[in-house]
C-alpha cells in the first residue's frame, strides 16, 4: 500500500512540475497586479501551490490555469476578509441583544482535540528544519521573507520546506478522511444486510 501511495505522489509531483510550475510567471503577475503588499506575493503564490497540490490529491483539476487563477483569487479574498478591521462605530451600531453564545458540543471538542493530536503527530515527524519553517509560517504567521531571515536560509528554501511539510500534513488529514469515509461505507454496507 505504501508503494502505491509513493507512486501516486510521484505522479502528482510530475503533474505539478509539468502543469502548474510553468504557470508561475502568470500567477506572479496576477498576484502583483491585484495585491497591494508586494512582500506577500510569494506567500500567496506558495499558498496557491499548496491548495492546488491538495486538490490534485483528490482529483486533478483540468484545465489547470483557470483553477489556479480561481485559487489565487479566493486566497486574496480570504486574506482581505481576515485583515479587514471593523470600526468601533460599526460595533456600537450592532444589536447585541440578538447574539447568543454558541459553545461547541462535547463531541465537537473531542473531534477537534483528536484532529489537533493527529496534526501534532504529523508535525513531530517532520525533519527539524522543515518543522521549524512550518511552525514559523503557519502557526506564528511570519512571512516567507521573515522566516528566511530568522533562520538564515534562502526564501526558496523556505518555500520548498513549506511545500514538503504541508504535503505531509495534508496526507495526515487525508488519511484520516479516508479512514472516516471507509468506516462510513462499511457501516452503510452492514445496514443494507
N, C-alpha and C. Protein backbone atom coordinates (compact mmCIF):
# COMPACT_ATOMS: atom_id res chain seq x y z
N UNK A 1 0.82 -1.19 0.00
CA UNK A 1 0.00 0.00 0.00
C UNK A 1 0.87 1.26 0.00
N UNK A 2 1.93 1.26 0.73
CA UNK A 2 2.82 2.41 0.78
C UNK A 2 3.47 2.65 -0.58
N UNK A 3 3.77 1.58 -1.31
CA UNK A 3 4.37 1.71 -2.63
C UNK A 3 3.41 2.45 -3.56
N UNK A 4 2.13 2.07 -3.56
CA UNK A 4 1.13 2.73 -4.38
C UNK A 4 1.01 4.20 -4.03
N UNK A 5 1.09 4.49 -2.76
CA UNK A 5 0.98 5.88 -2.30
C UNK A 5 2.18 6.70 -2.79
N UNK A 6 3.40 6.11 -2.74
CA UNK A 6 4.57 6.85 -3.18
C UNK A 6 4.56 7.02 -4.70
N UNK A 7 4.05 6.01 -5.43
CA UNK A 7 3.92 6.15 -6.88
C UNK A 7 2.93 7.26 -7.21
N UNK A 8 1.81 7.30 -6.48
CA UNK A 8 0.81 8.33 -6.69
C UNK A 8 1.40 9.70 -6.42
N UNK A 9 2.18 9.83 -5.35
CA UNK A 9 2.79 11.12 -5.01
C UNK A 9 3.76 11.54 -6.12
N UNK A 10 4.55 10.59 -6.62
CA UNK A 10 5.47 10.92 -7.71
C UNK A 10 4.69 11.37 -8.95
N UNK A 11 3.56 10.72 -9.19
CA UNK A 11 2.72 11.08 -10.32
C UNK A 11 2.18 12.50 -10.14
N UNK A 12 1.73 12.83 -8.93
CA UNK A 12 1.23 14.17 -8.65
C UNK A 12 2.37 15.19 -8.74
N UNK A 13 3.54 14.82 -8.22
CA UNK A 13 4.69 15.72 -8.30
C UNK A 13 5.04 16.01 -9.77
N UNK A 14 5.04 14.97 -10.60
CA UNK A 14 5.35 15.15 -12.02
C UNK A 14 4.30 16.04 -12.68
N UNK A 15 3.03 15.81 -12.36
CA UNK A 15 1.94 16.64 -12.88
C UNK A 15 2.15 18.09 -12.45
N UNK A 16 2.49 18.29 -11.19
CA UNK A 16 2.69 19.64 -10.66
C UNK A 16 3.81 20.35 -11.41
N UNK A 17 4.93 19.65 -11.62
CA UNK A 17 6.07 20.25 -12.32
C UNK A 17 5.72 20.56 -13.78
N UNK A 18 4.98 19.68 -14.42
CA UNK A 18 4.66 19.87 -15.84
C UNK A 18 3.52 20.86 -16.08
N UNK A 19 2.52 20.84 -15.22
CA UNK A 19 1.31 21.62 -15.48
C UNK A 19 1.22 22.92 -14.68
N UNK A 20 1.69 22.91 -13.43
CA UNK A 20 1.47 24.07 -12.55
C UNK A 20 2.67 25.01 -12.56
N UNK A 21 3.86 24.49 -12.37
CA UNK A 21 5.03 25.37 -12.28
C UNK A 21 5.25 26.24 -13.51
N UNK A 22 4.95 25.78 -14.73
CA UNK A 22 5.10 26.69 -15.88
C UNK A 22 4.17 27.91 -15.81
N UNK A 23 3.14 27.85 -14.98
CA UNK A 23 2.21 28.97 -14.83
C UNK A 23 2.69 29.99 -13.80
N UNK A 24 3.85 29.76 -13.19
CA UNK A 24 4.34 30.64 -12.13
C UNK A 24 4.48 32.10 -12.57
N UNK A 25 5.05 32.39 -13.76
CA UNK A 25 5.14 33.81 -14.15
C UNK A 25 3.76 34.48 -14.25
N UNK A 26 2.80 33.76 -14.82
CA UNK A 26 1.44 34.30 -14.93
C UNK A 26 0.84 34.52 -13.55
N UNK A 27 1.00 33.54 -12.65
CA UNK A 27 0.46 33.64 -11.30
C UNK A 27 1.10 34.81 -10.55
N UNK A 28 2.40 34.96 -10.68
CA UNK A 28 3.11 36.05 -10.00
C UNK A 28 2.63 37.41 -10.52
N UNK A 29 2.47 37.52 -11.84
CA UNK A 29 1.96 38.79 -12.41
C UNK A 29 0.56 39.09 -11.89
N UNK A 30 -0.28 38.07 -11.87
CA UNK A 30 -1.65 38.23 -11.38
C UNK A 30 -1.66 38.73 -9.93
N UNK A 31 -0.85 38.10 -9.10
CA UNK A 31 -0.81 38.49 -7.69
C UNK A 31 -0.24 39.89 -7.52
N UNK A 32 0.82 40.21 -8.23
CA UNK A 32 1.42 41.56 -8.11
C UNK A 32 0.46 42.64 -8.57
N UNK A 33 -0.30 42.32 -9.62
CA UNK A 33 -1.24 43.30 -10.16
C UNK A 33 -2.43 43.53 -9.22
N UNK A 34 -2.80 42.51 -8.46
CA UNK A 34 -4.02 42.60 -7.67
C UNK A 34 -3.80 42.68 -6.15
N UNK A 35 -2.58 42.54 -5.69
CA UNK A 35 -2.33 42.56 -4.25
C UNK A 35 -1.45 43.74 -3.90
N UNK A 36 -1.87 44.55 -2.95
CA UNK A 36 -1.16 45.81 -2.66
C UNK A 36 0.17 45.60 -1.95
N UNK A 37 0.34 44.56 -1.16
CA UNK A 37 1.59 44.33 -0.42
C UNK A 37 2.47 43.35 -1.20
N UNK A 38 3.45 43.89 -1.90
CA UNK A 38 4.32 43.09 -2.77
C UNK A 38 5.07 42.02 -1.97
N UNK A 39 5.36 42.30 -0.70
CA UNK A 39 6.08 41.33 0.12
C UNK A 39 5.28 40.05 0.39
N UNK A 40 3.97 40.12 0.24
CA UNK A 40 3.12 38.96 0.49
C UNK A 40 2.86 38.13 -0.76
N UNK A 41 3.33 38.57 -1.91
CA UNK A 41 3.07 37.86 -3.17
C UNK A 41 3.65 36.45 -3.12
N UNK A 42 4.86 36.30 -2.64
CA UNK A 42 5.46 34.95 -2.56
C UNK A 42 4.67 34.04 -1.63
N UNK A 43 4.16 34.59 -0.54
CA UNK A 43 3.35 33.81 0.39
C UNK A 43 2.04 33.36 -0.26
N UNK A 44 1.40 34.27 -0.96
CA UNK A 44 0.14 33.93 -1.65
C UNK A 44 0.39 32.88 -2.72
N UNK A 45 1.48 33.03 -3.47
CA UNK A 45 1.81 32.05 -4.51
C UNK A 45 2.04 30.67 -3.88
N UNK A 46 2.75 30.64 -2.77
CA UNK A 46 3.00 29.37 -2.08
C UNK A 46 1.69 28.74 -1.59
N UNK A 47 0.82 29.55 -1.02
CA UNK A 47 -0.47 29.04 -0.56
C UNK A 47 -1.28 28.49 -1.73
N UNK A 48 -1.22 29.17 -2.88
CA UNK A 48 -1.94 28.68 -4.06
C UNK A 48 -1.38 27.33 -4.49
N UNK A 49 -0.05 27.17 -4.43
CA UNK A 49 0.56 25.89 -4.79
C UNK A 49 0.11 24.78 -3.85
N UNK A 50 0.06 25.09 -2.57
CA UNK A 50 -0.38 24.09 -1.59
C UNK A 50 -1.82 23.68 -1.89
N UNK A 51 -2.69 24.66 -2.14
CA UNK A 51 -4.11 24.37 -2.41
C UNK A 51 -4.29 23.51 -3.65
N UNK A 52 -3.57 23.84 -4.72
CA UNK A 52 -3.75 23.08 -5.95
C UNK A 52 -3.16 21.68 -5.81
N UNK A 53 -2.08 21.56 -5.05
CA UNK A 53 -1.50 20.23 -4.82
C UNK A 53 -2.47 19.37 -4.00
N UNK A 54 -3.05 19.96 -2.97
CA UNK A 54 -4.03 19.23 -2.16
C UNK A 54 -5.23 18.81 -3.01
N UNK A 55 -5.68 19.70 -3.89
CA UNK A 55 -6.81 19.38 -4.76
C UNK A 55 -6.44 18.23 -5.70
N UNK A 56 -5.21 18.22 -6.18
CA UNK A 56 -4.77 17.17 -7.10
C UNK A 56 -4.70 15.81 -6.42
N UNK A 57 -4.54 15.79 -5.10
CA UNK A 57 -4.54 14.52 -4.39
C UNK A 57 -5.92 13.87 -4.43
N UNK A 58 -6.95 14.69 -4.56
CA UNK A 58 -8.31 14.16 -4.66
C UNK A 58 -8.67 13.91 -6.11
N UNK A 59 -8.46 14.93 -6.94
CA UNK A 59 -8.77 14.83 -8.36
C UNK A 59 -8.01 15.93 -9.09
N UNK A 60 -7.36 15.58 -10.18
CA UNK A 60 -6.57 16.56 -10.92
C UNK A 60 -7.47 17.59 -11.58
N UNK A 61 -7.25 18.86 -11.28
CA UNK A 61 -8.05 19.90 -11.91
C UNK A 61 -7.68 20.03 -13.39
N UNK A 62 -8.71 20.17 -14.21
CA UNK A 62 -8.47 20.33 -15.63
C UNK A 62 -9.55 21.25 -16.18
N UNK A 63 -9.19 22.29 -16.84
CA UNK A 63 -7.86 22.82 -17.10
C UNK A 63 -7.25 23.46 -15.86
N UNK A 64 -5.95 23.49 -15.83
CA UNK A 64 -5.23 23.92 -14.64
C UNK A 64 -5.24 25.44 -14.45
N UNK A 65 -5.01 26.17 -15.54
CA UNK A 65 -4.85 27.63 -15.43
C UNK A 65 -6.05 28.32 -14.78
N UNK A 66 -7.29 28.09 -15.25
CA UNK A 66 -8.42 28.76 -14.59
C UNK A 66 -8.59 28.35 -13.14
N UNK A 67 -8.28 27.09 -12.84
CA UNK A 67 -8.39 26.61 -11.46
C UNK A 67 -7.39 27.33 -10.57
N UNK A 68 -6.16 27.48 -11.05
CA UNK A 68 -5.12 28.18 -10.29
C UNK A 68 -5.50 29.66 -10.10
N UNK A 69 -6.06 30.28 -11.12
CA UNK A 69 -6.49 31.68 -11.01
C UNK A 69 -7.60 31.80 -9.97
N UNK A 70 -8.54 30.85 -9.98
CA UNK A 70 -9.63 30.88 -9.00
C UNK A 70 -9.08 30.72 -7.57
N UNK A 71 -8.11 29.82 -7.40
CA UNK A 71 -7.50 29.63 -6.08
C UNK A 71 -6.84 30.93 -5.62
N UNK A 72 -6.06 31.56 -6.50
CA UNK A 72 -5.37 32.81 -6.15
C UNK A 72 -6.38 33.88 -5.78
N UNK A 73 -7.44 33.99 -6.56
CA UNK A 73 -8.49 34.97 -6.28
C UNK A 73 -9.12 34.72 -4.91
N UNK A 74 -9.46 33.47 -4.63
CA UNK A 74 -10.07 33.14 -3.34
C UNK A 74 -9.12 33.40 -2.17
N UNK A 75 -7.84 33.12 -2.36
CA UNK A 75 -6.86 33.39 -1.31
C UNK A 75 -6.78 34.88 -1.01
N UNK A 76 -6.79 35.70 -2.06
CA UNK A 76 -6.73 37.15 -1.85
C UNK A 76 -8.00 37.63 -1.13
N UNK A 77 -9.14 37.11 -1.51
CA UNK A 77 -10.40 37.49 -0.85
C UNK A 77 -10.36 37.07 0.62
N UNK A 78 -9.90 35.84 0.90
CA UNK A 78 -9.81 35.38 2.28
C UNK A 78 -8.88 36.26 3.11
N UNK A 79 -7.75 36.63 2.51
CA UNK A 79 -6.82 37.50 3.25
C UNK A 79 -7.41 38.86 3.51
N UNK A 80 -8.12 39.39 2.54
CA UNK A 80 -8.76 40.69 2.75
C UNK A 80 -9.77 40.60 3.88
N UNK A 81 -10.53 39.53 3.91
CA UNK A 81 -11.51 39.36 4.99
C UNK A 81 -10.83 39.26 6.34
N UNK A 82 -9.74 38.50 6.41
CA UNK A 82 -9.01 38.35 7.69
C UNK A 82 -8.41 39.67 8.14
N UNK A 83 -7.91 40.44 7.17
CA UNK A 83 -7.24 41.70 7.51
C UNK A 83 -8.21 42.85 7.71
N UNK A 84 -9.45 42.65 7.35
CA UNK A 84 -10.44 43.72 7.46
C UNK A 84 -10.69 44.05 8.93
N UNK A 85 -10.56 45.30 9.25
CA UNK A 85 -10.76 45.74 10.62
C UNK A 85 -12.12 46.44 10.70
N UNK A 86 -12.93 46.03 11.65
CA UNK A 86 -14.24 46.64 11.84
C UNK A 86 -14.09 47.82 12.78
N UNK A 87 -14.66 48.96 12.39
CA UNK A 87 -14.52 50.16 13.21
C UNK A 87 -15.35 50.04 14.49
N UNK A 88 -14.96 50.80 15.50
CA UNK A 88 -15.67 50.80 16.78
C UNK A 88 -17.09 51.32 16.59
N UNK A 89 -17.27 52.31 15.71
CA UNK A 89 -18.61 52.83 15.46
C UNK A 89 -19.53 51.74 14.93
N UNK A 90 -19.03 50.90 14.02
CA UNK A 90 -19.83 49.81 13.46
C UNK A 90 -20.19 48.82 14.57
N UNK A 91 -19.28 48.55 15.46
CA UNK A 91 -19.54 47.61 16.55
C UNK A 91 -20.61 48.17 17.49
N UNK A 92 -20.62 49.49 17.69
CA UNK A 92 -21.63 50.10 18.54
C UNK A 92 -23.02 50.03 17.93
N UNK A 93 -23.07 50.04 16.59
CA UNK A 93 -24.36 50.01 15.90
C UNK A 93 -25.00 48.63 15.90
N UNK A 94 -24.25 47.60 16.20
CA UNK A 94 -24.81 46.25 16.18
C UNK A 94 -25.81 46.06 17.31
N UNK A 95 -26.82 45.27 17.04
CA UNK A 95 -27.82 44.93 18.06
C UNK A 95 -27.32 43.68 18.80
N UNK A 96 -26.66 43.89 19.92
CA UNK A 96 -26.04 42.79 20.67
C UNK A 96 -27.07 41.90 21.36
N UNK A 97 -28.30 42.36 21.50
CA UNK A 97 -29.31 41.56 22.20
C UNK A 97 -29.70 40.29 21.44
N UNK A 98 -29.49 40.27 20.11
CA UNK A 98 -29.87 39.10 19.32
C UNK A 98 -28.74 38.10 19.15
N UNK A 99 -27.60 38.39 19.74
CA UNK A 99 -26.45 37.50 19.59
C UNK A 99 -26.36 36.59 20.81
N UNK A 100 -26.38 35.29 20.55
CA UNK A 100 -26.29 34.34 21.65
C UNK A 100 -24.93 33.67 21.64
N UNK A 101 -24.55 33.17 22.76
CA UNK A 101 -23.29 32.46 22.89
C UNK A 101 -23.51 31.02 22.47
N UNK A 102 -22.80 30.61 21.43
CA UNK A 102 -22.92 29.24 20.94
C UNK A 102 -21.62 28.53 21.26
N UNK A 103 -21.68 27.60 22.16
CA UNK A 103 -20.49 26.83 22.54
C UNK A 103 -20.47 25.53 21.75
N UNK A 104 -19.28 25.05 21.42
CA UNK A 104 -19.20 23.78 20.70
C UNK A 104 -19.70 22.63 21.58
N UNK A 105 -20.26 21.63 20.92
CA UNK A 105 -20.76 20.47 21.66
C UNK A 105 -19.57 19.66 22.20
N UNK A 106 -19.80 18.81 23.18
CA UNK A 106 -18.71 17.95 23.68
C UNK A 106 -18.11 17.11 22.56
N UNK A 107 -18.94 16.63 21.63
CA UNK A 107 -18.43 15.83 20.52
C UNK A 107 -17.50 16.65 19.63
N UNK A 108 -17.90 17.91 19.37
CA UNK A 108 -17.07 18.79 18.56
C UNK A 108 -15.73 19.05 19.23
N UNK A 109 -15.76 19.23 20.56
CA UNK A 109 -14.50 19.46 21.28
C UNK A 109 -13.58 18.24 21.22
N UNK A 110 -14.15 17.05 21.37
CA UNK A 110 -13.36 15.82 21.30
C UNK A 110 -12.78 15.65 19.90
N UNK A 111 -13.61 15.88 18.87
CA UNK A 111 -13.15 15.75 17.50
C UNK A 111 -12.02 16.74 17.21
N UNK A 112 -12.16 17.96 17.70
CA UNK A 112 -11.11 18.98 17.50
C UNK A 112 -9.82 18.58 18.20
N UNK A 113 -9.93 18.04 19.41
CA UNK A 113 -8.73 17.58 20.13
C UNK A 113 -8.05 16.44 19.38
N UNK A 114 -8.86 15.51 18.85
CA UNK A 114 -8.30 14.38 18.11
C UNK A 114 -7.59 14.86 16.84
N UNK A 115 -8.20 15.80 16.15
CA UNK A 115 -7.58 16.33 14.94
C UNK A 115 -6.28 17.06 15.28
N UNK A 116 -6.29 17.81 16.36
CA UNK A 116 -5.09 18.51 16.80
C UNK A 116 -3.98 17.51 17.15
N UNK A 117 -4.35 16.42 17.80
CA UNK A 117 -3.37 15.38 18.15
C UNK A 117 -2.77 14.76 16.89
N UNK A 118 -3.61 14.48 15.89
CA UNK A 118 -3.11 13.91 14.63
C UNK A 118 -2.17 14.88 13.93
N UNK A 119 -2.56 16.16 13.91
CA UNK A 119 -1.72 17.16 13.26
C UNK A 119 -0.39 17.33 14.00
N UNK A 120 -0.43 17.30 15.34
CA UNK A 120 0.80 17.42 16.11
C UNK A 120 1.71 16.22 15.86
N UNK A 121 1.13 15.02 15.78
CA UNK A 121 1.92 13.82 15.50
C UNK A 121 2.58 13.92 14.12
N UNK A 122 1.83 14.40 13.13
CA UNK A 122 2.39 14.56 11.79
C UNK A 122 3.47 15.64 11.79
N UNK A 123 3.25 16.72 12.51
CA UNK A 123 4.24 17.79 12.62
C UNK A 123 5.51 17.28 13.30
N UNK A 124 5.36 16.46 14.33
CA UNK A 124 6.51 15.92 15.05
C UNK A 124 7.36 14.99 14.18
N UNK A 125 6.77 14.42 13.13
CA UNK A 125 7.50 13.50 12.25
C UNK A 125 8.31 14.23 11.19
N UNK A 126 8.08 15.52 11.05
CA UNK A 126 8.83 16.30 10.05
C UNK A 126 10.28 16.45 10.49
N UNK A 127 11.20 16.58 9.52
CA UNK A 127 12.59 16.90 9.88
C UNK A 127 12.62 18.23 10.63
N UNK A 128 13.59 18.42 11.52
CA UNK A 128 13.62 19.61 12.38
C UNK A 128 13.51 20.95 11.64
N UNK A 129 14.28 21.13 10.56
CA UNK A 129 14.24 22.41 9.84
C UNK A 129 12.87 22.63 9.20
N UNK A 130 12.33 21.58 8.61
CA UNK A 130 11.01 21.67 7.97
C UNK A 130 9.95 22.00 9.02
N UNK A 131 10.02 21.35 10.17
CA UNK A 131 9.07 21.60 11.26
C UNK A 131 9.16 23.06 11.72
N UNK A 132 10.38 23.56 11.88
CA UNK A 132 10.55 24.94 12.32
C UNK A 132 9.98 25.93 11.31
N UNK A 133 10.20 25.66 10.02
CA UNK A 133 9.65 26.53 8.97
C UNK A 133 8.13 26.53 9.03
N UNK A 134 7.53 25.34 9.14
CA UNK A 134 6.06 25.24 9.18
C UNK A 134 5.51 25.98 10.40
N UNK A 135 6.15 25.79 11.55
CA UNK A 135 5.66 26.44 12.77
C UNK A 135 5.77 27.96 12.65
N UNK A 136 6.89 28.44 12.14
CA UNK A 136 7.05 29.89 11.99
C UNK A 136 6.06 30.47 10.99
N UNK A 137 5.87 29.76 9.85
CA UNK A 137 4.97 30.28 8.81
C UNK A 137 3.50 30.13 9.17
N UNK A 138 3.10 28.91 9.57
CA UNK A 138 1.68 28.62 9.71
C UNK A 138 1.13 28.84 11.11
N UNK A 139 1.97 28.68 12.13
CA UNK A 139 1.49 28.86 13.50
C UNK A 139 1.69 30.30 13.95
N UNK A 140 2.91 30.81 13.74
CA UNK A 140 3.22 32.16 14.20
C UNK A 140 2.92 33.24 13.17
N UNK A 141 2.68 32.84 11.91
CA UNK A 141 2.26 33.78 10.88
C UNK A 141 3.34 34.66 10.29
N UNK A 142 4.61 34.27 10.41
CA UNK A 142 5.69 35.05 9.81
C UNK A 142 5.61 34.93 8.29
N UNK A 143 6.06 35.96 7.60
CA UNK A 143 6.10 35.91 6.14
C UNK A 143 7.27 35.01 5.73
N UNK A 144 7.27 34.65 4.45
CA UNK A 144 8.35 33.81 3.92
C UNK A 144 9.69 34.51 4.10
N UNK A 145 9.72 35.80 3.84
CA UNK A 145 10.95 36.58 3.97
C UNK A 145 11.43 36.61 5.42
N UNK A 146 10.49 36.80 6.36
CA UNK A 146 10.85 36.85 7.78
C UNK A 146 11.40 35.51 8.26
N UNK A 147 10.81 34.42 7.81
CA UNK A 147 11.29 33.09 8.20
C UNK A 147 12.70 32.87 7.66
N UNK A 148 12.92 33.24 6.41
CA UNK A 148 14.24 33.08 5.80
C UNK A 148 15.30 33.86 6.58
N UNK A 149 14.96 35.10 6.92
CA UNK A 149 15.91 35.94 7.65
C UNK A 149 16.16 35.36 9.05
N UNK A 150 15.09 34.96 9.73
CA UNK A 150 15.19 34.45 11.10
C UNK A 150 16.03 33.16 11.17
N UNK A 151 15.86 32.29 10.14
CA UNK A 151 16.57 31.00 10.14
C UNK A 151 17.90 31.05 9.40
N UNK A 152 18.16 32.16 8.71
CA UNK A 152 19.42 32.28 7.96
C UNK A 152 19.45 31.38 6.73
N UNK A 153 18.30 31.23 6.06
CA UNK A 153 18.22 30.41 4.85
C UNK A 153 17.59 31.24 3.73
N UNK A 154 17.64 30.71 2.51
CA UNK A 154 17.06 31.42 1.37
C UNK A 154 15.54 31.31 1.39
N UNK A 155 14.90 32.29 0.77
CA UNK A 155 13.43 32.26 0.67
C UNK A 155 12.96 31.05 -0.12
N UNK A 156 13.73 30.65 -1.13
CA UNK A 156 13.37 29.46 -1.92
C UNK A 156 13.38 28.21 -1.04
N UNK A 157 14.32 28.16 -0.10
CA UNK A 157 14.38 27.02 0.82
C UNK A 157 13.15 27.01 1.71
N UNK A 158 12.74 28.18 2.17
CA UNK A 158 11.53 28.27 2.98
C UNK A 158 10.34 27.76 2.17
N UNK A 159 10.24 28.22 0.92
CA UNK A 159 9.13 27.81 0.05
C UNK A 159 9.12 26.29 -0.13
N UNK A 160 10.29 25.71 -0.38
CA UNK A 160 10.38 24.25 -0.56
C UNK A 160 10.01 23.50 0.71
N UNK A 161 10.48 24.00 1.84
CA UNK A 161 10.19 23.33 3.10
C UNK A 161 8.71 23.41 3.45
N UNK A 162 8.08 24.54 3.15
CA UNK A 162 6.64 24.68 3.40
C UNK A 162 5.89 23.68 2.52
N UNK A 163 6.29 23.58 1.25
CA UNK A 163 5.62 22.66 0.33
C UNK A 163 5.75 21.22 0.83
N UNK A 164 6.93 20.82 1.22
CA UNK A 164 7.14 19.45 1.70
C UNK A 164 6.36 19.20 2.99
N UNK A 165 6.45 20.14 3.92
CA UNK A 165 5.76 19.98 5.20
C UNK A 165 4.26 19.95 5.05
N UNK A 166 3.72 20.83 4.22
CA UNK A 166 2.28 20.86 4.02
C UNK A 166 1.79 19.60 3.32
N UNK A 167 2.63 19.02 2.47
CA UNK A 167 2.26 17.77 1.81
C UNK A 167 2.10 16.66 2.86
N UNK A 168 3.04 16.59 3.81
CA UNK A 168 2.96 15.58 4.87
C UNK A 168 1.72 15.81 5.73
N UNK A 169 1.48 17.07 6.09
CA UNK A 169 0.31 17.38 6.92
C UNK A 169 -0.99 17.12 6.16
N UNK A 170 -1.02 17.43 4.87
CA UNK A 170 -2.21 17.15 4.06
C UNK A 170 -2.45 15.65 3.99
N UNK A 171 -1.37 14.87 3.85
CA UNK A 171 -1.51 13.41 3.84
C UNK A 171 -2.09 12.91 5.16
N UNK A 172 -1.64 13.51 6.26
CA UNK A 172 -2.14 13.09 7.58
C UNK A 172 -3.64 13.34 7.68
N UNK A 173 -4.07 14.49 7.19
CA UNK A 173 -5.50 14.82 7.23
C UNK A 173 -6.27 13.95 6.25
N UNK A 174 -5.74 13.76 5.04
CA UNK A 174 -6.47 12.97 4.04
C UNK A 174 -6.53 11.51 4.44
N UNK A 175 -5.51 10.98 5.11
CA UNK A 175 -5.56 9.60 5.62
C UNK A 175 -6.71 9.46 6.59
N UNK A 176 -6.87 10.44 7.47
CA UNK A 176 -7.95 10.39 8.45
C UNK A 176 -9.30 10.46 7.75
N UNK A 177 -9.41 11.35 6.75
CA UNK A 177 -10.65 11.45 6.00
C UNK A 177 -10.95 10.13 5.31
N UNK A 178 -9.90 9.52 4.72
CA UNK A 178 -10.08 8.24 4.05
C UNK A 178 -10.58 7.17 5.01
N UNK A 179 -10.02 7.17 6.23
CA UNK A 179 -10.47 6.19 7.23
C UNK A 179 -11.92 6.45 7.63
N UNK A 180 -12.30 7.72 7.77
CA UNK A 180 -13.68 8.04 8.13
C UNK A 180 -14.64 7.63 7.02
N UNK A 181 -14.27 7.91 5.76
CA UNK A 181 -15.13 7.55 4.64
C UNK A 181 -15.25 6.03 4.54
N UNK A 182 -14.12 5.33 4.67
CA UNK A 182 -14.15 3.87 4.61
C UNK A 182 -15.01 3.30 5.74
N UNK A 183 -14.87 3.87 6.93
CA UNK A 183 -15.68 3.41 8.07
C UNK A 183 -17.16 3.66 7.83
N UNK A 184 -17.49 4.81 7.26
CA UNK A 184 -18.89 5.13 6.97
C UNK A 184 -19.45 4.18 5.92
N UNK A 185 -18.64 3.86 4.90
CA UNK A 185 -19.10 2.94 3.86
C UNK A 185 -19.32 1.55 4.43
N UNK A 186 -18.41 1.10 5.32
CA UNK A 186 -18.58 -0.23 5.94
C UNK A 186 -19.85 -0.26 6.77
N UNK A 187 -20.11 0.81 7.50
CA UNK A 187 -21.31 0.89 8.33
C UNK A 187 -22.55 0.85 7.45
N UNK A 188 -22.53 1.62 6.36
CA UNK A 188 -23.67 1.64 5.44
C UNK A 188 -23.89 0.26 4.82
N UNK A 189 -22.80 -0.41 4.46
CA UNK A 189 -22.88 -1.75 3.85
C UNK A 189 -23.53 -2.73 4.83
N UNK A 190 -23.15 -2.65 6.09
CA UNK A 190 -23.72 -3.53 7.12
C UNK A 190 -25.21 -3.28 7.32
N UNK A 191 -25.62 -2.02 7.22
CA UNK A 191 -27.02 -1.68 7.40
C UNK A 191 -27.89 -2.26 6.29
N UNK A 192 -27.33 -2.38 5.10
CA UNK A 192 -28.10 -2.89 3.96
C UNK A 192 -28.38 -4.38 4.11
N UNK A 193 -27.57 -5.09 4.88
CA UNK A 193 -27.77 -6.53 5.05
C UNK A 193 -28.91 -6.89 5.93
